[in-house]
Amino acid sequence: MGIEDLYSIYLQHPSVQTDTRKLAKGDIFFALKGPSFNGNEFAQHALKMGAAYAVIDEPVNDTDERLILVDDVLATLQQLAKYHREQFTIPFIGITGSNGKTTTKELVSMVLASHYITYTTQGNLNNHIVVPLTLLRIKKDAQMAVIEMGANHQKEIEGYCVYAQPTHGIITNAGKAHLEGFGGVEGVRKGKGELYAYIREHNGMVFAYDDYDYLHDMVKGIDNVEWYGTQNGIVTGHVIDSEPFLQVAITNGTSFTALDTQLVGAYNLPNILCAVAVGKHFNIPDEKIKAAIEGYAPSNSRSQLVEKGSNKVILDAYNANPSSMKAAIENFAKIDTPHKVLLLGGMMELGDDSIQEHKSLIQLINSNKWDSVVLVGGDFKNVQHPYQYFDNSLQAGEWLKKQGFENTYLLVKGSRSMQMEKVLG
């Protein structure tokens, strides 16, 4: 069956699912497979559960016409997403970066949705399976689309661009993340820069943070760039306060002069300025931009402020890498409060740089005064330090329960696999 024929079926049943546990009646089930699962084994079960069709790539002893046999289910899913994407002429904004891409995606989407019918990536689902699923969720009434693209190796963003076909691009930053897969910081910039490469080739435009010198190098050859930053750009601003919530002064580009956000951490300044710049570019009224950004409350353990009794917890435990850890600790050190505790999980996917990056983090921790420091898992086990260490977050949580902290600020951060949110019980 060709993609055009499959697309005709999709138009009649415009809901795609890859997990039978989430299947709804009338869905098209795509039988994906991986190292530890094979969706083909569940195809007939999916039909019994009410799926309209099941797309498979392994023959089964069944003549049911609702079973659609293809060469490769994943490739077919991506081709279908590409075909669907090509039916739209609206702006498609691709967002990637080492840090802040999900928060930026949320802020940009909130701003756009205040004025346009906007479809966007759900949560932080940004891989080779979920990007096409995101595209297939976009309905005919769409006026804007925002697609988050995660990557941990070369050519991954390039692959997403083939079927997402972004008209606009945002690289939040290119720091020390996934060093093992990218092969160092230069590799990170090359990998993230695949988004710019697509924009450059297709005469699109990018929004870029003026304060990062390396972005000026990366955008060379792109004619349409709109900058935002602390000093230069269509929108400029700086931090007024970040204790605990970030207040931003807007010094150029808008009729309003300040934003009172629900985000924790001065490191969110570029993310906020980006959302304002995107809103201004697409002619969204200033009052809607302001209301959208101030109304955004982070979730999913990202820059959240959680109150536990008399204590305040900065919960930023969704992910961590050397760049984001450094920013979070430096921001936490600046908070003017007498009692502060660090609970940090190990950083993953750093390859040969892992030991040195954990050592560098210890040096940063040593340069500030804390009531207590707790380190959990990863290569914190393999570097020297004078702090409390536990193998996992549950052990750290048991320690925390026994301390009886009162009127204390706590920073909880670590790579996703550390599940540092569990220290809070």
Protein backbone atom coordinates (compact mmCIF):
# COMPACT_ATOMS: atom_id res chain seq x y z
CA MET A 1 0.00 0.00 0.00
CA GLY A 2 1.33 3.44 -0.97
CA ILE A 3 1.52 6.40 1.39
CA GLU A 4 -1.26 8.22 -0.47
CA ASP A 5 -3.58 5.26 0.03
CA LEU A 6 -2.59 4.99 3.68
CA TYR A 7 -3.17 8.72 4.07
CA SER A 8 -6.71 8.30 2.73
CA ILE A 9 -7.30 5.78 5.51
CA TYR A 10 -5.70 8.14 8.05
CA LEU A 11 -8.10 10.93 7.01
CA GLN A 12 -10.99 8.65 7.88
CA HIS A 13 -9.34 7.57 11.15
CA PRO A 14 -7.08 10.49 12.14
CA SER A 15 -5.79 9.06 15.40
CA VAL A 16 -2.61 7.00 15.51
CA GLN A 17 -1.43 4.83 18.41
CA THR A 18 1.65 2.69 18.99
CA ASP A 19 0.70 1.33 22.42
CA THR A 20 -2.29 -0.98 22.83
CA ARG A 21 -2.59 0.14 26.46
CA LYS A 22 -3.57 3.60 25.22
CA LEU A 23 -5.61 2.44 22.24
CA ALA A 24 -9.03 3.99 21.60
CA LYS A 25 -11.73 2.69 19.30
CA GLY A 26 -11.11 3.79 15.71
CA ASP A 27 -7.36 4.34 16.10
CA ILE A 28 -4.82 3.13 13.57
CA PHE A 29 -2.33 0.91 15.41
CA PHE A 30 1.28 1.04 14.22
CA ALA A 31 3.09 -2.12 15.33
CA LEU A 32 6.51 -0.74 16.18
CA LYS A 33 9.26 -3.02 17.41
CA GLY A 34 12.48 -2.61 19.33
CA PRO A 35 15.11 -4.60 21.23
CA SER A 36 12.66 -5.71 23.91
CA PHE A 37 9.25 -5.54 22.25
CA ASN A 38 7.49 -6.42 19.00
CA GLY A 39 4.24 -4.63 18.25
CA ASN A 40 3.43 -7.11 15.49
CA GLU A 41 2.55 -9.59 18.22
CA PHE A 42 -0.21 -7.27 19.43
CA ALA A 43 -1.71 -6.30 16.06
CA GLN A 44 -4.60 -8.75 16.13
CA HIS A 45 -5.28 -7.88 19.76
CA ALA A 46 -5.41 -4.20 18.75
CA LEU A 47 -8.08 -4.97 16.16
CA LYS A 48 -10.11 -6.87 18.74
CA MET A 49 -9.85 -3.84 21.04
CA GLY A 50 -11.40 -1.63 18.37
CA ALA A 51 -8.53 -0.38 16.23
CA ALA A 52 -9.72 0.49 12.74
CA TYR A 53 -6.51 -0.82 11.16
CA ALA A 54 -3.16 -2.22 12.26
CA VAL A 55 0.03 -1.50 10.30
CA ILE A 56 2.50 -4.42 10.52
CA ASP A 57 5.80 -5.42 8.95
CA GLU A 58 5.77 -9.14 9.76
CA PRO A 59 3.29 -11.41 7.96
CA VAL A 60 0.64 -13.09 10.11
CA ASN A 61 -1.63 -16.02 9.38
CA ASP A 62 -4.69 -13.83 9.10
CA THR A 63 -6.62 -12.57 6.08
CA ASP A 64 -8.22 -9.65 7.93
CA GLU A 65 -8.17 -6.72 5.47
CA ARG A 66 -7.62 -4.34 8.38
CA LEU A 67 -4.05 -5.63 8.68
CA ILE A 68 -1.82 -3.47 6.48
CA LEU A 69 1.54 -5.10 5.69
CA VAL A 70 4.44 -2.72 4.97
CA ASP A 71 8.20 -3.12 4.70
CA ASP A 72 9.00 -1.13 7.85
CA VAL A 73 6.42 0.19 10.31
CA LEU A 74 8.59 2.98 11.74
CA ALA A 75 9.61 4.24 8.29
CA THR A 76 5.96 4.13 7.20
CA LEU A 77 4.90 6.11 10.28
CA GLN A 78 7.51 8.77 9.48
CA GLN A 79 6.54 8.87 5.78
CA LEU A 80 2.89 9.28 6.72
CA ALA A 81 3.81 12.13 9.08
CA LYS A 82 5.83 13.78 6.32
CA TYR A 83 2.93 13.48 3.87
CA HIS A 84 0.55 14.98 6.43
CA ARG A 85 3.01 17.81 7.18
CA GLU A 86 3.13 18.65 3.46
CA GLN A 87 -0.59 19.43 3.45
CA PHE A 88 0.04 22.57 5.57
CA THR A 89 1.42 25.98 4.64
CA ILE A 90 1.45 27.35 8.20
CA PRO A 91 4.57 28.17 10.25
CA PHE A 92 6.25 25.12 11.74
CA ILE A 93 8.68 26.12 14.49
CA GLY A 94 11.37 23.56 15.31
CA ILE A 95 13.02 23.83 18.73
CA THR A 96 16.14 22.05 19.94
CA GLY A 97 19.01 22.73 22.34
CA SER A 98 21.04 21.26 25.18
CA ASN A 99 19.02 22.93 27.93
CA GLY A 100 15.69 24.68 28.16
CA LYS A 101 14.10 23.39 24.97
CA THR A 102 11.00 21.98 26.68
CA THR A 103 10.47 25.13 28.76
CA THR A 104 11.01 27.29 25.67
CA LYS A 105 8.61 25.12 23.70
CA GLU A 106 5.98 25.49 26.42
CA LEU A 107 6.40 29.28 26.65
CA VAL A 108 6.41 29.77 22.87
CA SER A 109 3.35 27.55 22.51
CA MET A 110 1.49 29.38 25.28
CA VAL A 111 2.18 32.72 23.61
CA LEU A 112 1.16 31.50 20.14
CA ALA A 113 -1.94 29.73 21.48
CA SER A 114 -3.14 33.00 23.01
CA HIS A 115 -3.82 34.27 19.48
CA TYR A 116 -3.67 31.34 17.05
CA ILE A 117 -4.85 27.72 16.90
CA THR A 118 -1.58 26.07 17.89
CA TYR A 119 -0.48 22.43 18.01
CA THR A 120 2.65 21.43 19.84
CA THR A 121 4.71 18.57 21.23
CA GLN A 122 3.11 17.07 24.32
CA GLY A 123 5.37 17.16 27.37
CA ASN A 124 8.96 16.51 26.40
CA LEU A 125 8.17 13.82 23.82
CA ASN A 126 10.74 14.60 21.16
CA ASN A 127 12.27 11.47 19.66
CA HIS A 128 12.13 9.63 16.31
CA ILE A 129 8.82 7.99 17.22
CA VAL A 130 7.02 10.82 18.95
CA VAL A 131 7.94 13.63 16.54
CA PRO A 132 5.95 11.94 13.74
CA LEU A 133 3.13 11.18 16.19
CA THR A 134 3.07 14.87 17.11
CA LEU A 135 2.80 15.81 13.44
CA LEU A 136 -0.07 13.38 12.94
CA ARG A 137 -1.99 15.00 15.80
CA ILE A 138 -2.10 18.32 13.96
CA LYS A 139 -5.59 18.99 12.63
CA LYS A 140 -6.74 20.93 9.57
CA ASP A 141 -7.65 23.99 11.65
CA ALA A 142 -4.01 24.53 12.71
CA GLN A 143 -2.56 28.01 12.34
CA MET A 144 0.76 27.32 14.11
CA ALA A 145 2.81 24.25 14.99
CA VAL A 146 5.67 23.98 17.48
CA ILE A 147 7.81 20.83 17.33
CA GLU A 148 10.42 19.96 19.95
CA MET A 149 13.37 17.91 18.72
CA GLY A 150 15.64 16.06 21.13
CA ALA A 151 18.88 14.44 20.08
CA ASN A 152 21.88 12.64 21.55
CA HIS A 153 23.90 11.95 18.39
CA GLN A 154 24.76 13.34 14.97
CA LYS A 155 22.22 13.26 12.12
CA GLU A 156 19.25 12.87 14.49
CA ILE A 157 17.94 16.44 14.10
CA GLU A 158 18.62 16.19 10.37
CA GLY A 159 16.32 13.16 10.26
CA TYR A 160 13.52 14.95 12.12
CA CYS A 161 13.70 17.88 9.72
CA VAL A 162 13.02 15.58 6.76
CA TYR A 163 9.46 15.00 7.93
CA ALA A 164 8.83 17.97 10.26
CA GLN A 165 10.07 20.46 7.63
CA PRO A 166 10.42 23.47 9.98
CA THR A 167 9.96 26.93 8.53
CA HIS A 168 11.39 28.55 11.67
CA GLY A 169 14.11 27.33 14.00
CA ILE A 170 15.20 27.90 17.60
CA ILE A 171 18.35 26.49 19.16
CA THR A 172 18.11 27.43 22.83
CA ASN A 173 21.81 26.74 23.42
CA ALA A 174 24.49 24.15 22.65
CA GLY A 175 26.20 23.14 25.88
CA LYS A 176 27.62 20.09 27.59
CA ALA A 177 24.86 17.53 27.08
CA HIS A 178 25.01 14.02 25.60
CA LEU A 179 28.75 14.40 25.16
CA GLU A 180 29.13 10.65 24.77
CA GLY A 181 26.91 10.55 21.68
CA PHE A 182 27.96 13.85 20.16
CA GLY A 183 31.68 13.50 20.87
CA GLY A 184 32.26 16.78 22.72
CA VAL A 185 30.88 20.32 22.71
CA GLU A 186 31.79 20.93 19.06
CA GLY A 187 29.88 17.79 18.20
CA VAL A 188 26.89 19.09 20.16
CA ARG A 189 26.94 22.31 18.14
CA LYS A 190 27.22 20.40 14.90
CA GLY A 191 24.34 18.13 15.87
CA LYS A 192 22.04 20.90 17.05
CA GLY A 193 23.15 22.96 14.05
CA GLU A 194 21.46 20.45 11.76
CA LEU A 195 18.29 22.44 12.44
CA TYR A 196 19.97 25.61 11.17
CA ALA A 197 21.31 23.68 8.19
CA TYR A 198 17.77 22.74 7.16
CA ILE A 199 16.54 26.32 7.69
CA ARG A 200 19.48 27.65 5.67
CA GLU A 201 18.81 25.28 2.77
CA HIS A 202 15.08 26.07 2.70
CA ASN A 203 15.27 29.85 3.18
CA GLY A 204 13.56 29.81 6.53
CA MET A 205 14.21 32.00 9.56
CA VAL A 206 15.58 31.55 13.05
CA PHE A 207 15.20 33.21 16.43
CA ALA A 208 18.54 33.31 18.27
CA TYR A 209 19.91 34.52 21.61
CA ASP A 210 22.32 37.36 20.89
CA ASP A 211 24.39 36.80 24.05
CA TYR A 212 25.73 33.44 22.84
CA ASP A 213 28.66 34.18 20.53
CA TYR A 214 28.64 30.67 19.08
CA LEU A 215 25.11 31.17 17.74
CA HIS A 216 26.40 34.09 15.66
CA ASP A 217 28.81 31.66 14.01
CA MET A 218 26.20 28.94 13.63
CA VAL A 219 23.65 31.17 11.83
CA LYS A 220 26.06 32.28 9.11
CA GLY A 221 24.43 31.89 5.71
CA ILE A 222 20.89 32.30 7.08
CA ASP A 223 19.45 35.54 5.75
CA ASN A 224 16.50 35.87 8.11
CA VAL A 225 17.57 35.98 11.76
CA GLU A 226 15.74 37.74 14.57
CA TRP A 227 17.84 38.24 17.67
CA TYR A 228 16.77 38.60 21.29
CA GLY A 229 19.06 39.15 24.25
CA THR A 230 20.11 41.29 27.16
CA GLN A 231 21.59 44.09 25.02
CA ASN A 232 20.66 43.62 21.36
CA GLY A 233 17.67 42.31 19.45
CA ILE A 234 14.03 42.90 18.59
CA VAL A 235 13.36 42.14 22.26
CA THR A 236 15.82 42.80 25.09
CA GLY A 237 15.57 42.30 28.82
CA HIS A 238 17.34 41.34 32.01
CA VAL A 239 16.67 39.73 35.36
CA ILE A 240 15.14 41.92 38.06
CA ASP A 241 14.88 39.23 40.71
CA SER A 242 14.84 35.45 41.00
CA GLU A 243 13.97 34.85 44.64
CA PRO A 244 12.15 32.62 44.33
CA PHE A 245 10.32 33.40 41.09
CA LEU A 246 11.95 35.03 38.10
CA GLN A 247 11.05 38.65 37.41
CA VAL A 248 12.22 40.02 34.08
CA ALA A 249 12.58 43.61 32.94
CA ILE A 250 11.80 44.11 29.25
CA THR A 251 13.95 46.98 28.04
CA ASN A 252 13.05 47.00 24.36
CA GLY A 253 10.41 45.67 22.01
CA THR A 254 7.20 45.72 24.02
CA SER A 255 4.79 48.13 25.64
CA PHE A 256 5.10 46.29 28.96
CA THR A 257 8.27 46.73 30.97
CA ALA A 258 8.24 43.73 33.30
CA LEU A 259 7.15 40.09 33.55
CA ASP A 260 6.38 38.29 36.80
CA THR A 261 6.79 34.61 35.97
CA GLN A 262 6.15 31.36 37.82
CA LEU A 263 9.55 30.02 36.77
CA VAL A 264 12.48 29.46 39.13
CA GLY A 265 16.00 30.37 38.05
CA ALA A 266 17.67 33.25 36.25
CA TYR A 267 18.80 30.71 33.63
CA ASN A 268 15.24 30.87 32.25
CA LEU A 269 15.77 34.45 31.02
CA PRO A 270 16.68 33.42 27.42
CA ASN A 271 13.64 31.12 27.27
CA ILE A 272 11.31 33.96 28.26
CA LEU A 273 12.88 36.48 25.89
CA CYS A 274 12.58 33.93 23.08
CA ALA A 275 8.84 33.53 23.69
CA VAL A 276 8.37 37.30 23.67
CA ALA A 277 10.37 37.63 20.44
CA VAL A 278 8.31 34.92 18.73
CA GLY A 279 5.10 36.59 19.86
CA LYS A 280 6.21 39.95 18.52
CA HIS A 281 7.27 38.44 15.20
CA PHE A 282 3.84 36.93 14.69
CA ASN A 283 2.06 40.14 15.67
CA ILE A 284 0.50 38.90 18.88
CA PRO A 285 -0.78 41.77 21.04
CA ASP A 286 1.49 42.65 23.93
CA GLU A 287 -1.17 42.05 26.55
CA LYS A 288 -1.64 38.47 25.30
CA ILE A 289 2.12 37.82 25.33
CA LYS A 290 2.40 39.08 28.89
CA ALA A 291 -0.62 37.12 30.14
CA ALA A 292 0.55 33.90 28.47
CA ILE A 293 4.05 34.00 29.96
CA GLU A 294 2.92 35.05 33.41
CA GLY A 295 0.22 32.36 33.37
CA TYR A 296 2.61 29.53 32.57
CA ALA A 297 3.18 27.26 35.57
CA PRO A 298 5.94 24.67 35.02
CA SER A 299 5.30 21.01 35.76
CA ASN A 300 7.01 17.66 35.31
CA SER A 301 9.87 18.54 37.70
CA ARG A 302 11.12 21.45 35.61
CA SER A 303 12.03 24.68 37.41
CA GLN A 304 9.22 24.10 39.90
CA LEU A 305 8.96 25.63 43.35
CA VAL A 306 7.41 23.13 45.73
CA GLU A 307 6.54 23.97 49.33
CA LYS A 308 6.99 21.16 51.86
CA GLY A 309 5.95 22.44 55.27
CA SER A 310 8.14 25.43 56.09
CA ASN A 311 10.69 24.37 53.45
CA LYS A 312 10.88 25.47 49.83
CA VAL A 313 12.13 23.00 47.21
CA ILE A 314 13.43 23.97 43.79
CA LEU A 315 12.57 20.80 41.90
CA ASP A 316 14.45 20.66 38.60
CA ALA A 317 14.89 16.92 38.40
CA TYR A 318 13.80 16.09 34.89
CA ASN A 319 17.30 16.14 33.50
CA ALA A 320 20.83 17.34 34.11
CA ASN A 321 24.09 17.91 32.30
CA PRO A 322 27.20 19.95 33.19
CA SER A 323 25.78 23.17 31.72
CA SER A 324 22.38 22.97 33.39
CA MET A 325 23.85 21.77 36.71
CA LYS A 326 26.26 24.71 36.80
CA ALA A 327 23.47 27.19 36.05
CA ALA A 328 21.16 25.69 38.68
CA ILE A 329 23.79 25.64 41.43
CA GLU A 330 24.98 29.18 40.68
CA ASN A 331 21.39 30.41 40.70
CA PHE A 332 20.70 28.59 43.98
CA ALA A 333 23.83 30.06 45.57
CA LYS A 334 22.55 33.58 44.91
CA ILE A 335 19.27 33.06 46.77
CA ASP A 336 19.41 35.14 49.95
CA THR A 337 18.39 32.68 52.62
CA PRO A 338 20.36 31.35 55.62
CA HIS A 339 19.68 27.63 55.13
CA LYS A 340 20.31 25.79 51.87
CA VAL A 341 20.65 22.11 51.03
CA LEU A 342 21.80 20.49 47.77
CA LEU A 343 20.51 17.10 46.65
CA LEU A 344 22.12 16.27 43.31
CA GLY A 345 21.95 13.15 41.16
CA GLY A 346 24.66 11.96 38.80
CA MET A 347 24.92 13.18 35.21
CA MET A 348 24.61 10.61 32.43
CA GLU A 349 25.75 10.20 28.79
CA LEU A 350 29.02 12.09 29.27
CA GLY A 351 31.33 9.33 28.06
CA ASP A 352 35.03 9.85 28.70
CA ASP A 353 34.30 13.34 30.09
CA SER A 354 32.11 12.05 32.89
CA ILE A 355 34.67 11.82 35.71
CA GLN A 356 36.13 15.25 34.96
CA GLU A 357 32.73 16.89 34.68
CA HIS A 358 31.68 15.44 38.05
CA LYS A 359 34.97 16.66 39.54
CA SER A 360 34.31 20.14 38.15
CA LEU A 361 30.88 20.11 39.74
CA ILE A 362 32.42 19.19 43.10
CA GLN A 363 34.74 22.20 42.78
CA LEU A 364 31.74 24.45 42.13
CA ILE A 365 29.91 23.01 45.15
CA ASN A 366 33.04 23.56 47.28
CA SER A 367 33.11 27.24 46.38
CA ASN A 368 29.83 27.95 48.16
CA LYS A 369 28.46 27.40 51.66
CA TRP A 370 25.63 24.90 52.21
CA ASP A 371 23.99 23.42 55.27
CA SER A 372 24.19 19.97 53.68
CA VAL A 373 25.13 18.41 50.36
CA VAL A 374 23.84 15.02 49.24
CA LEU A 375 25.15 13.36 46.06
CA VAL A 376 23.37 10.42 44.46
CA GLY A 377 24.58 7.77 42.02
CA GLY A 378 26.41 8.04 38.74
CA ASP A 379 30.05 9.08 38.79
CA PHE A 380 29.62 10.93 42.06
CA LYS A 381 30.54 7.48 43.40
CA ASN A 382 33.86 7.59 41.56
CA VAL A 383 35.16 11.03 42.50
CA GLN A 384 36.51 12.27 45.83
CA HIS A 385 34.33 14.63 47.84
CA PRO A 386 33.52 15.31 51.51
CA TYR A 387 29.76 15.05 51.11
CA GLN A 388 27.03 12.57 51.94
CA TYR A 389 26.65 9.96 49.19
CA PHE A 390 23.87 7.48 48.39
CA ASP A 391 23.52 4.99 45.55
CA ASN A 392 19.93 5.99 44.76
CA SER A 393 17.29 8.63 45.39
CA LEU A 394 15.21 6.43 47.71
CA GLN A 395 18.15 6.16 50.11
CA ALA A 396 18.63 9.91 49.90
CA GLY A 397 14.94 10.36 50.61
CA GLU A 398 15.22 8.27 53.78
CA TRP A 399 18.13 10.45 54.88
CA LEU A 400 16.13 13.60 54.17
CA LYS A 401 13.18 12.44 56.28
CA LYS A 402 15.44 12.06 59.32
CA GLN A 403 16.96 15.55 59.12
CA GLY A 404 13.92 17.56 60.23
CA PHE A 405 14.85 20.61 58.19
CA GLU A 406 12.78 23.75 58.84
CA ASN A 407 12.72 27.06 56.95
CA THR A 408 15.23 25.65 54.49
CA TYR A 409 15.66 25.92 50.73
CA LEU A 410 16.49 22.69 48.90
CA LEU A 411 17.69 22.23 45.32
CA VAL A 412 16.83 18.82 43.86
CA LYS A 413 18.37 18.09 40.46
CA GLY A 414 19.80 15.17 38.51
CA SER A 415 19.64 13.19 35.28
CA ARG A 416 16.31 11.51 34.52
CA SER A 417 17.58 8.04 35.34
CA MET A 418 18.38 9.21 38.89
CA GLN A 419 14.68 9.98 39.54
CA MET A 420 15.66 12.64 42.06
CA GLU A 421 12.05 13.70 42.62
CA LYS A 422 11.74 10.54 44.76
CA VAL A 423 13.81 12.13 47.51
CA LEU A 424 10.70 14.14 48.36
CA GLY A 425 8.66 10.99 49.01
